[in-house]
Amino acid sequence: MKKENIIYIALGTLFILLSEFAFPMPVIVTIDDTLQGITEFTTYNKSAQGLHEITTSFENIGSVGCTTQVRVDFFKNNSLVYTSWSKSLALEPGDYYAFRNYWFSESEEGNITAKLRIYYCDEIEEQGNITFAVEPAGANKTANITIMNTKANQSAISITFIPGASSKKAWILPKKNPIGWKIEPVLIENLVAGEERTAVINYAPPIKGKITTVDYYLVTANNEQMVFRASNSIQEEEKVFVPPELRESLVGVLIFMLTFLIVREKKKVRRLKKELSKKKKDVKQKNRQ
């Protein structure tokens, strides 16, 4: 082999080696989507009276965003006494939230077992059962609250009311959750006597458009309570949103159509006048003859 060829081969090899360092080939790494969450903690009172609250902190540690909701079933002597749904919330990967479930034990007392389930995406994660003792609400005062108006759509019921007394907090929750329905509780803060407030109760029926009437508790931090009835059959007027760009286009089309009609009618009037004028001339000519 000639000396020149050896030099060329060596230079070519060196160029290839240097090119790999200077222009490294891209490395493609694929990460599979994962659906995973973790319960950080659950808090509750081991003994309570009236309104009971269970808080469950849940974190989405997967790679897929999920709508998450906590369900708690309360049992006494293995018999279901109440089903509670928490607020429904979309959690992106890395997000966490403290979900709250409520139960108002108006007359129940004794030992209660609560079974917790976490619904996220299409998964249901069962938590360990918890037990606590409850006492009936007792001689609670009736809340002086006036319901002013109720409206509903396919996903929420809006309640407008006026409290007769101020309170730091108030809760709205179904007296009994209909089977298959997911009715979220409502926490209202800083009620002021005589000041109108509006609460929105979000719900999901088992079948879209299904109608029902539910009794609700309204419980205040002043140990007051009342029961009111609301139905999702009182449909509010659905407003059709028209984007500004489309609205301007529609106005332009209407103006064009009106202008076109006016011009066309003017032409008709002119043509009619000409025809009448011609007929008059013909009549005059005939009369002269």
C-alpha atoms as a PDB file:
ATOM      1  CA  MET A   1       0.000   0.000   0.000  1.00  0.00           C
ATOM      2  CA  LYS A   2       1.279   3.397  -0.926  1.00  0.00           C
ATOM      3  CA  LYS A   3       2.315   5.801   1.782  1.00  0.00           C
ATOM      4  CA  GLU A   4      -0.151   8.414   0.531  1.00  0.00           C
ATOM      5  CA  ASN A   5      -3.103   5.978   0.867  1.00  0.00           C
ATOM      6  CA  ILE A   6      -2.151   5.152   4.447  1.00  0.00           C
ATOM      7  CA  ILE A   7      -2.071   8.843   5.289  1.00  0.00           C
ATOM      8  CA  TYR A   8      -5.501   9.376   3.708  1.00  0.00           C
ATOM      9  CA  ILE A   9      -7.002   6.457   5.635  1.00  0.00           C
ATOM     10  CA  ALA A  10      -5.530   7.712   8.897  1.00  0.00           C
ATOM     11  CA  LEU A  11      -6.831  11.227   8.316  1.00  0.00           C
ATOM     12  CA  GLY A  12     -10.293   9.881   7.417  1.00  0.00           C
ATOM     13  CA  THR A  13     -10.436   7.755  10.575  1.00  0.00           C
ATOM     14  CA  LEU A  14      -9.315  10.685  12.692  1.00  0.00           C
ATOM     15  CA  PHE A  15     -11.981  12.907  11.093  1.00  0.00           C
ATOM     16  CA  ILE A  16     -14.719  10.368  11.870  1.00  0.00           C
ATOM     17  CA  LEU A  17     -13.587  10.058  15.503  1.00  0.00           C
ATOM     18  CA  LEU A  18     -13.450  13.819  15.948  1.00  0.00           C
ATOM     19  CA  SER A  19     -16.873  14.210  14.309  1.00  0.00           C
ATOM     20  CA  GLU A  20     -18.470  11.855  16.846  1.00  0.00           C
ATOM     21  CA  PHE A  21     -17.115  13.973  19.691  1.00  0.00           C
ATOM     22  CA  ALA A  22     -17.932  17.301  18.085  1.00  0.00           C
ATOM     23  CA  PHE A  23     -21.358  16.244  16.767  1.00  0.00           C
ATOM     24  CA  PRO A  24     -22.655  13.513  19.067  1.00  0.00           C
ATOM     25  CA  MET A  25     -25.549  11.409  17.802  1.00  0.00           C
ATOM     26  CA  PRO A  26     -28.858  12.165  19.568  1.00  0.00           C
ATOM     27  CA  VAL A  27     -30.012   9.620  22.132  1.00  0.00           C
ATOM     28  CA  ILE A  28     -33.781   9.048  22.070  1.00  0.00           C
ATOM     29  CA  VAL A  29     -35.275   8.122  25.443  1.00  0.00           C
ATOM     30  CA  THR A  30     -38.952   7.185  25.775  1.00  0.00           C
ATOM     31  CA  ILE A  31     -40.758   7.353  29.104  1.00  0.00           C
ATOM     32  CA  ASP A  32     -43.988   5.410  29.458  1.00  0.00           C
ATOM     33  CA  ASP A  33     -46.963   7.250  30.915  1.00  0.00           C
ATOM     34  CA  THR A  34     -47.730   6.192  34.470  1.00  0.00           C
ATOM     35  CA  LEU A  35     -50.920   6.514  36.470  1.00  0.00           C
ATOM     36  CA  GLN A  36     -49.997   6.671  40.132  1.00  0.00           C
ATOM     37  CA  GLY A  37     -50.987   8.573  43.260  1.00  0.00           C
ATOM     38  CA  ILE A  38     -50.092   8.537  46.906  1.00  0.00           C
ATOM     39  CA  THR A  39     -52.099   9.378  50.021  1.00  0.00           C
ATOM     40  CA  GLU A  40     -49.926  11.539  52.235  1.00  0.00           C
ATOM     41  CA  PHE A  41     -52.208  11.637  55.286  1.00  0.00           C
ATOM     42  CA  THR A  42     -55.786  11.285  56.536  1.00  0.00           C
ATOM     43  CA  THR A  43     -57.061  13.292  59.508  1.00  0.00           C
ATOM     44  CA  TYR A  44     -60.304  12.992  61.506  1.00  0.00           C
ATOM     45  CA  ASN A  45     -61.634  13.308  65.058  1.00  0.00           C
ATOM     46  CA  LYS A  46     -61.921  10.042  66.985  1.00  0.00           C
ATOM     47  CA  SER A  47     -64.963  11.432  68.768  1.00  0.00           C
ATOM     48  CA  ALA A  48     -67.275  14.064  67.345  1.00  0.00           C
ATOM     49  CA  GLN A  49     -70.778  15.479  67.527  1.00  0.00           C
ATOM     50  CA  GLY A  50     -72.923  16.776  64.692  1.00  0.00           C
ATOM     51  CA  LEU A  51     -70.712  17.600  61.697  1.00  0.00           C
ATOM     52  CA  HIS A  52     -67.817  15.221  60.983  1.00  0.00           C
ATOM     53  CA  GLU A  53     -64.921  16.045  58.683  1.00  0.00           C
ATOM     54  CA  ILE A  54     -62.373  13.670  57.152  1.00  0.00           C
ATOM     55  CA  THR A  55     -59.415  15.212  55.323  1.00  0.00           C
ATOM     56  CA  THR A  56     -57.401  13.179  52.827  1.00  0.00           C
ATOM     57  CA  SER A  57     -54.252  14.631  51.269  1.00  0.00           C
ATOM     58  CA  PHE A  58     -53.572  13.036  47.891  1.00  0.00           C
ATOM     59  CA  GLU A  59     -50.678  13.649  45.478  1.00  0.00           C
ATOM     60  CA  ASN A  60     -50.506  12.725  41.803  1.00  0.00           C
ATOM     61  CA  ILE A  61     -47.021  11.219  41.428  1.00  0.00           C
ATOM     62  CA  GLY A  62     -47.706   9.788  37.977  1.00  0.00           C
ATOM     63  CA  SER A  63     -47.135  11.375  34.570  1.00  0.00           C
ATOM     64  CA  VAL A  64     -50.790  11.832  33.582  1.00  0.00           C
ATOM     65  CA  GLY A  65     -53.166  14.529  34.803  1.00  0.00           C
ATOM     66  CA  CYS A  66     -56.232  13.120  36.541  1.00  0.00           C
ATOM     67  CA  THR A  67     -59.558  14.347  37.853  1.00  0.00           C
ATOM     68  CA  THR A  68     -59.557  13.179  41.471  1.00  0.00           C
ATOM     69  CA  GLN A  69     -62.334  12.758  44.030  1.00  0.00           C
ATOM     70  CA  VAL A  70     -62.620  11.024  47.401  1.00  0.00           C
ATOM     71  CA  ARG A  71     -65.590   8.914  48.427  1.00  0.00           C
ATOM     72  CA  VAL A  72     -66.282   7.923  52.039  1.00  0.00           C
ATOM     73  CA  ASP A  73     -68.926   5.370  53.049  1.00  0.00           C
ATOM     74  CA  PHE A  74     -69.995   5.450  56.697  1.00  0.00           C
ATOM     75  CA  PHE A  75     -71.150   2.164  58.266  1.00  0.00           C
ATOM     76  CA  LYS A  76     -72.773   1.342  61.575  1.00  0.00           C
ATOM     77  CA  ASN A  77     -72.991  -2.356  62.464  1.00  0.00           C
ATOM     78  CA  ASN A  78     -72.062  -3.185  58.852  1.00  0.00           C
ATOM     79  CA  SER A  79     -75.031  -1.155  57.534  1.00  0.00           C
ATOM     80  CA  LEU A  80     -74.416   1.816  55.275  1.00  0.00           C
ATOM     81  CA  VAL A  81     -75.706   5.029  56.851  1.00  0.00           C
ATOM     82  CA  TYR A  82     -74.225   7.696  54.571  1.00  0.00           C
ATOM     83  CA  THR A  83     -72.099   8.218  51.446  1.00  0.00           C
ATOM     84  CA  SER A  84     -70.012  11.365  51.132  1.00  0.00           C
ATOM     85  CA  TRP A  85     -68.253  12.723  48.063  1.00  0.00           C
ATOM     86  CA  SER A  86     -65.524  15.328  48.244  1.00  0.00           C
ATOM     87  CA  LYS A  87     -64.867  18.143  45.828  1.00  0.00           C
ATOM     88  CA  SER A  88     -63.749  16.955  42.379  1.00  0.00           C
ATOM     89  CA  LEU A  89     -60.458  18.460  41.243  1.00  0.00           C
ATOM     90  CA  ALA A  90     -58.080  18.024  38.293  1.00  0.00           C
ATOM     91  CA  LEU A  91     -54.557  17.210  39.516  1.00  0.00           C
ATOM     92  CA  GLU A  92     -51.657  17.556  37.116  1.00  0.00           C
ATOM     93  CA  PRO A  93     -48.505  15.463  37.716  1.00  0.00           C
ATOM     94  CA  GLY A  94     -46.890  16.683  40.938  1.00  0.00           C
ATOM     95  CA  ASP A  95     -50.054  18.399  42.229  1.00  0.00           C
ATOM     96  CA  TYR A  96     -51.586  17.540  45.585  1.00  0.00           C
ATOM     97  CA  TYR A  97     -54.734  18.583  47.411  1.00  0.00           C
ATOM     98  CA  ALA A  98     -56.415  18.077  50.789  1.00  0.00           C
ATOM     99  CA  PHE A  99     -59.855  16.663  49.955  1.00  0.00           C
ATOM    100  CA  ARG A 100     -62.583  17.045  52.591  1.00  0.00           C
ATOM    101  CA  ASN A 101     -65.545  14.754  53.168  1.00  0.00           C
ATOM    102  CA  TYR A 102     -68.410  15.610  55.527  1.00  0.00           C
ATOM    103  CA  TRP A 103     -71.203  13.833  57.331  1.00  0.00           C
ATOM    104  CA  PHE A 104     -73.800  15.426  59.599  1.00  0.00           C
ATOM    105  CA  SER A 105     -75.001  12.855  62.162  1.00  0.00           C
ATOM    106  CA  GLU A 106     -78.320  14.339  63.190  1.00  0.00           C
ATOM    107  CA  SER A 107     -79.470  11.323  65.238  1.00  0.00           C
ATOM    108  CA  GLU A 108     -76.868   8.565  64.812  1.00  0.00           C
ATOM    109  CA  GLU A 109     -74.642   7.647  67.735  1.00  0.00           C
ATOM    110  CA  GLY A 110     -72.110   4.961  68.601  1.00  0.00           C
ATOM    111  CA  ASN A 111     -69.136   3.531  66.753  1.00  0.00           C
ATOM    112  CA  ILE A 112     -68.855   4.274  63.062  1.00  0.00           C
ATOM    113  CA  THR A 113     -66.560   2.686  60.461  1.00  0.00           C
ATOM    114  CA  ALA A 114     -65.611   4.799  57.456  1.00  0.00           C
ATOM    115  CA  LYS A 115     -64.364   3.248  54.223  1.00  0.00           C
ATOM    116  CA  LEU A 116     -62.303   5.566  52.026  1.00  0.00           C
ATOM    117  CA  ARG A 117     -61.844   5.301  48.258  1.00  0.00           C
ATOM    118  CA  ILE A 118     -59.919   7.637  45.969  1.00  0.00           C
ATOM    119  CA  TYR A 119     -61.169   7.967  42.388  1.00  0.00           C
ATOM    120  CA  TYR A 120     -58.583   9.271  39.928  1.00  0.00           C
ATOM    121  CA  CYS A 121     -58.808   8.881  36.143  1.00  0.00           C
ATOM    122  CA  ASP A 122     -60.224   5.379  35.693  1.00  0.00           C
ATOM    123  CA  GLU A 123     -58.605   4.002  38.842  1.00  0.00           C
ATOM    124  CA  ILE A 124     -60.104   3.443  42.285  1.00  0.00           C
ATOM    125  CA  GLU A 125     -57.659   3.219  45.169  1.00  0.00           C
ATOM    126  CA  GLU A 126     -59.071   1.784  48.388  1.00  0.00           C
ATOM    127  CA  GLN A 127     -57.717   3.122  51.660  1.00  0.00           C
ATOM    128  CA  GLY A 128     -57.733   1.443  55.047  1.00  0.00           C
ATOM    129  CA  ASN A 129     -60.896   1.767  57.132  1.00  0.00           C
ATOM    130  CA  ILE A 130     -61.049   4.207  60.051  1.00  0.00           C
ATOM    131  CA  THR A 131     -63.302   4.055  63.104  1.00  0.00           C
ATOM    132  CA  PHE A 132     -64.589   6.788  65.406  1.00  0.00           C
ATOM    133  CA  ALA A 133     -67.375   7.449  67.878  1.00  0.00           C
ATOM    134  CA  VAL A 134     -70.233   9.823  67.112  1.00  0.00           C
ATOM    135  CA  GLU A 135     -72.866  11.574  69.155  1.00  0.00           C
ATOM    136  CA  PRO A 136     -76.144  12.971  67.785  1.00  0.00           C
ATOM    137  CA  ALA A 137     -76.255  16.654  66.958  1.00  0.00           C
ATOM    138  CA  GLY A 138     -78.441  17.310  69.986  1.00  0.00           C
ATOM    139  CA  ALA A 139     -80.645  20.352  70.492  1.00  0.00           C
ATOM    140  CA  ASN A 140     -79.133  22.460  67.753  1.00  0.00           C
ATOM    141  CA  LYS A 141     -80.684  25.807  66.983  1.00  0.00           C
ATOM    142  CA  THR A 142     -82.526  26.197  63.704  1.00  0.00           C
ATOM    143  CA  ALA A 143     -80.524  28.393  61.376  1.00  0.00           C
ATOM    144  CA  ASN A 144     -82.282  31.656  60.487  1.00  0.00           C
ATOM    145  CA  ILE A 145     -81.624  31.575  56.751  1.00  0.00           C
ATOM    146  CA  THR A 146     -83.943  32.637  53.934  1.00  0.00           C
ATOM    147  CA  ILE A 147     -83.595  30.900  50.565  1.00  0.00           C
ATOM    148  CA  MET A 148     -84.158  33.554  47.884  1.00  0.00           C
ATOM    149  CA  ASN A 149     -83.609  31.743  44.628  1.00  0.00           C
ATOM    150  CA  THR A 150     -82.585  28.403  43.119  1.00  0.00           C
ATOM    151  CA  LYS A 151     -81.240  27.839  39.620  1.00  0.00           C
ATOM    152  CA  ALA A 152     -79.712  24.805  37.977  1.00  0.00           C
ATOM    153  CA  ASN A 153     -77.937  23.568  34.901  1.00  0.00           C
ATOM    154  CA  GLN A 154     -76.578  20.173  33.874  1.00  0.00           C
ATOM    155  CA  SER A 155     -73.710  20.213  36.367  1.00  0.00           C
ATOM    156  CA  ALA A 156     -74.524  22.604  39.227  1.00  0.00           C
ATOM    157  CA  ILE A 157     -77.284  24.034  41.413  1.00  0.00           C
ATOM    158  CA  SER A 158     -77.014  27.691  42.455  1.00  0.00           C
ATOM    159  CA  ILE A 159     -78.590  28.655  45.799  1.00  0.00           C
ATOM    160  CA  THR A 160     -79.024  32.326  46.727  1.00  0.00           C
ATOM    161  CA  PHE A 161     -79.834  32.977  50.399  1.00  0.00           C
ATOM    162  CA  ILE A 162     -79.710  35.581  53.160  1.00  0.00           C
ATOM    163  CA  PRO A 163     -78.416  34.540  56.601  1.00  0.00           C
ATOM    164  CA  GLY A 164     -80.141  35.977  59.654  1.00  0.00           C
ATOM    165  CA  ALA A 165     -76.964  35.741  61.745  1.00  0.00           C
ATOM    166  CA  SER A 166     -73.256  36.098  61.018  1.00  0.00           C
ATOM    167  CA  SER A 167     -71.036  33.020  61.068  1.00  0.00           C
ATOM    168  CA  LYS A 168     -67.401  32.295  60.265  1.00  0.00           C
ATOM    169  CA  LYS A 169     -68.262  29.149  58.318  1.00  0.00           C
ATOM    170  CA  ALA A 170     -71.206  27.209  56.970  1.00  0.00           C
ATOM    171  CA  TRP A 171     -71.455  23.903  55.126  1.00  0.00           C
ATOM    172  CA  ILE A 172     -73.970  22.580  52.610  1.00  0.00           C
ATOM    173  CA  LEU A 173     -74.164  18.829  52.052  1.00  0.00           C
ATOM    174  CA  PRO A 174     -76.870  16.413  50.931  1.00  0.00           C
ATOM    175  CA  LYS A 175     -78.958  14.873  53.693  1.00  0.00           C
ATOM    176  CA  LYS A 176     -78.777  11.658  51.710  1.00  0.00           C
ATOM    177  CA  ASN A 177     -76.759  11.107  48.566  1.00  0.00           C
ATOM    178  CA  PRO A 178     -78.946   9.435  45.904  1.00  0.00           C
ATOM    179  CA  ILE A 179     -77.443   6.184  44.636  1.00  0.00           C
ATOM    180  CA  GLY A 180     -75.251   6.840  41.611  1.00  0.00           C
ATOM    181  CA  TRP A 181     -75.096  10.598  42.131  1.00  0.00           C
ATOM    182  CA  LYS A 182     -71.943  12.517  43.035  1.00  0.00           C
ATOM    183  CA  ILE A 183     -72.939  15.645  44.946  1.00  0.00           C
ATOM    184  CA  GLU A 184     -70.052  17.774  46.193  1.00  0.00           C
ATOM    185  CA  PRO A 185     -70.190  19.539  49.565  1.00  0.00           C
ATOM    186  CA  VAL A 186     -69.885  23.313  49.807  1.00  0.00           C
ATOM    187  CA  LEU A 187     -67.893  25.306  52.352  1.00  0.00           C
ATOM    188  CA  ILE A 188     -68.951  28.950  52.756  1.00  0.00           C
ATOM    189  CA  GLU A 189     -66.845  31.366  54.784  1.00  0.00           C
ATOM    190  CA  ASN A 190     -67.607  34.678  56.492  1.00  0.00           C
ATOM    191  CA  LEU A 191     -71.391  34.824  56.439  1.00  0.00           C
ATOM    192  CA  VAL A 192     -72.690  38.288  57.332  1.00  0.00           C
ATOM    193  CA  ALA A 193     -76.211  38.760  58.718  1.00  0.00           C
ATOM    194  CA  GLY A 194     -78.519  40.268  56.101  1.00  0.00           C
ATOM    195  CA  GLU A 195     -75.949  40.003  53.316  1.00  0.00           C
ATOM    196  CA  GLU A 196     -77.036  37.993  50.267  1.00  0.00           C
ATOM    197  CA  ARG A 197     -74.793  35.057  49.380  1.00  0.00           C
ATOM    198  CA  THR A 198     -74.779  32.501  46.591  1.00  0.00           C
ATOM    199  CA  ALA A 199     -73.521  28.936  46.902  1.00  0.00           C
ATOM    200  CA  VAL A 200     -72.899  26.587  43.966  1.00  0.00           C
ATOM    201  CA  ILE A 201     -73.467  22.850  44.493  1.00  0.00           C
ATOM    202  CA  ASN A 202     -71.655  20.815  41.843  1.00  0.00           C
ATOM    203  CA  TYR A 203     -73.085  17.416  41.008  1.00  0.00           C
ATOM    204  CA  ALA A 204     -72.759  14.564  38.508  1.00  0.00           C
ATOM    205  CA  PRO A 205     -75.863  12.443  37.800  1.00  0.00           C
ATOM    206  CA  PRO A 206     -75.560   8.761  36.860  1.00  0.00           C
ATOM    207  CA  ILE A 207     -77.136   9.613  33.492  1.00  0.00           C
ATOM    208  CA  LYS A 208     -76.762  13.022  31.834  1.00  0.00           C
ATOM    209  CA  GLY A 209     -79.975  15.006  32.075  1.00  0.00           C
ATOM    210  CA  LYS A 210     -81.432  12.877  34.870  1.00  0.00           C
ATOM    211  CA  ILE A 211     -83.541  14.932  37.295  1.00  0.00           C
ATOM    212  CA  THR A 212     -83.959  14.488  41.025  1.00  0.00           C
ATOM    213  CA  THR A 213     -84.879  16.446  44.152  1.00  0.00           C
ATOM    214  CA  VAL A 214     -82.550  16.306  47.144  1.00  0.00           C
ATOM    215  CA  ASP A 215     -82.818  17.537  50.731  1.00  0.00           C
ATOM    216  CA  TYR A 216     -79.735  19.413  51.918  1.00  0.00           C
ATOM    217  CA  TYR A 217     -78.329  20.305  55.317  1.00  0.00           C
ATOM    218  CA  LEU A 218     -77.049  23.812  55.858  1.00  0.00           C
ATOM    219  CA  VAL A 219     -74.944  23.751  59.022  1.00  0.00           C
ATOM    220  CA  THR A 220     -73.191  26.789  60.517  1.00  0.00           C
ATOM    221  CA  ALA A 221     -70.211  27.081  62.824  1.00  0.00           C
ATOM    222  CA  ASN A 222     -72.627  28.550  65.410  1.00  0.00           C
ATOM    223  CA  ASN A 223     -74.095  25.057  65.925  1.00  0.00           C
ATOM    224  CA  GLU A 224     -77.161  25.976  63.857  1.00  0.00           C
ATOM    225  CA  GLN A 225     -78.752  23.892  61.145  1.00  0.00           C
ATOM    226  CA  MET A 226     -81.590  23.848  58.646  1.00  0.00           C
ATOM    227  CA  VAL A 227     -82.866  21.585  55.869  1.00  0.00           C
ATOM    228  CA  PHE A 228     -83.859  22.871  52.443  1.00  0.00           C
ATOM    229  CA  ARG A 229     -84.906  21.147  49.250  1.00  0.00           C
ATOM    230  CA  ALA A 230     -83.464  21.763  45.796  1.00  0.00           C
ATOM    231  CA  SER A 231     -83.973  20.181  42.398  1.00  0.00           C
ATOM    232  CA  ASN A 232     -81.882  20.266  39.256  1.00  0.00           C
ATOM    233  CA  SER A 233     -85.075  20.532  37.182  1.00  0.00           C
ATOM    234  CA  ILE A 234     -85.179  24.336  37.518  1.00  0.00           C
ATOM    235  CA  GLN A 235     -83.175  24.986  34.401  1.00  0.00           C
ATOM    236  CA  GLU A 236     -81.622  28.397  33.964  1.00  0.00           C
ATOM    237  CA  GLU A 237     -81.611  29.978  30.548  1.00  0.00           C
ATOM    238  CA  GLU A 238     -78.634  28.767  28.587  1.00  0.00           C
ATOM    239  CA  LYS A 239     -76.712  31.696  27.135  1.00  0.00           C
ATOM    240  CA  VAL A 240     -75.146  31.238  23.719  1.00  0.00           C
ATOM    241  CA  PHE A 241     -71.715  32.818  23.556  1.00  0.00           C
ATOM    242  CA  VAL A 242     -70.904  34.500  20.273  1.00  0.00           C
ATOM    243  CA  PRO A 243     -67.233  35.473  19.803  1.00  0.00           C
ATOM    244  CA  PRO A 244     -66.665  39.181  19.019  1.00  0.00           C
ATOM    245  CA  GLU A 245     -65.099  38.322  15.633  1.00  0.00           C
ATOM    246  CA  LEU A 246     -68.141  36.284  14.601  1.00  0.00           C
ATOM    247  CA  ARG A 247     -70.486  38.961  15.952  1.00  0.00           C
ATOM    248  CA  GLU A 248     -68.760  41.626  13.809  1.00  0.00           C
ATOM    249  CA  SER A 249     -68.958  39.353  10.766  1.00  0.00           C
ATOM    250  CA  LEU A 250     -72.668  38.779  11.330  1.00  0.00           C
ATOM    251  CA  VAL A 251     -73.275  42.521  11.640  1.00  0.00           C
ATOM    252  CA  GLY A 252     -71.384  43.075   8.391  1.00  0.00           C
ATOM    253  CA  VAL A 253     -73.446  40.412   6.606  1.00  0.00           C
ATOM    254  CA  LEU A 254     -76.693  41.933   7.888  1.00  0.00           C
ATOM    255  CA  ILE A 255     -75.664  45.420   6.737  1.00  0.00           C
ATOM    256  CA  PHE A 256     -74.748  44.024   3.313  1.00  0.00           C
ATOM    257  CA  MET A 257     -78.093  42.205   3.005  1.00  0.00           C
ATOM    258  CA  LEU A 258     -80.058  45.289   4.061  1.00  0.00           C
ATOM    259  CA  THR A 259     -78.143  47.458   1.591  1.00  0.00           C
ATOM    260  CA  PHE A 260     -78.731  44.909  -1.177  1.00  0.00           C
ATOM    261  CA  LEU A 261     -82.481  44.762  -0.442  1.00  0.00           C
ATOM    262  CA  ILE A 262     -82.800  48.553  -0.333  1.00  0.00           C
ATOM    263  CA  VAL A 263     -80.966  48.947  -3.672  1.00  0.00           C
ATOM    264  CA  ARG A 264     -83.075  46.197  -5.232  1.00  0.00           C
ATOM    265  CA  GLU A 265     -86.316  47.795  -4.024  1.00  0.00           C
ATOM    266  CA  LYS A 266     -85.201  51.187  -5.349  1.00  0.00           C
ATOM    267  CA  LYS A 267     -84.561  49.622  -8.744  1.00  0.00           C
ATOM    268  CA  LYS A 268     -88.029  48.068  -8.669  1.00  0.00           C
ATOM    269  CA  VAL A 269     -89.577  51.434  -7.832  1.00  0.00           C
ATOM    270  CA  ARG A 270     -87.687  53.141 -10.663  1.00  0.00           C
ATOM    271  CA  ARG A 271     -88.729  50.423 -13.107  1.00  0.00           C
ATOM    272  CA  LEU A 272     -92.337  50.733 -11.991  1.00  0.00           C
ATOM    273  CA  LYS A 273     -92.242  54.514 -12.420  1.00  0.00           C
ATOM    274  CA  LYS A 274     -90.842  54.138 -15.930  1.00  0.00           C
ATOM    275  CA  GLU A 275     -93.554  51.645 -16.830  1.00  0.00           C
ATOM    276  CA  LEU A 276     -96.268  53.947 -15.474  1.00  0.00           C
ATOM    277  CA  SER A 277     -94.797  56.928 -17.283  1.00  0.00           C
ATOM    278  CA  LYS A 278     -94.703  54.959 -20.524  1.00  0.00           C
ATOM    279  CA  LYS A 279     -98.320  53.860 -20.119  1.00  0.00           C
ATOM    280  CA  LYS A 280     -99.385  57.453 -19.562  1.00  0.00           C
ATOM    281  CA  LYS A 281     -97.590  58.540 -22.737  1.00  0.00           C
ATOM    282  CA  ASP A 282     -99.252  55.749 -24.721  1.00  0.00           C
ATOM    283  CA  VAL A 283    -102.671  56.770 -23.422  1.00  0.00           C
ATOM    284  CA  LYS A 284    -102.059  60.412 -24.332  1.00  0.00           C
ATOM    285  CA  GLN A 285    -100.973  59.458 -27.852  1.00  0.00           C
ATOM    286  CA  LYS A 286    -104.077  57.344 -28.360  1.00  0.00           C
ATOM    287  CA  ASN A 287    -106.297  60.180 -27.171  1.00  0.00           C
ATOM    288  CA  ARG A 288    -104.686  62.591 -29.648  1.00  0.00           C
ATOM    289  CA  GLN A 289    -105.334  60.230 -32.490  1.00  0.00           C
END
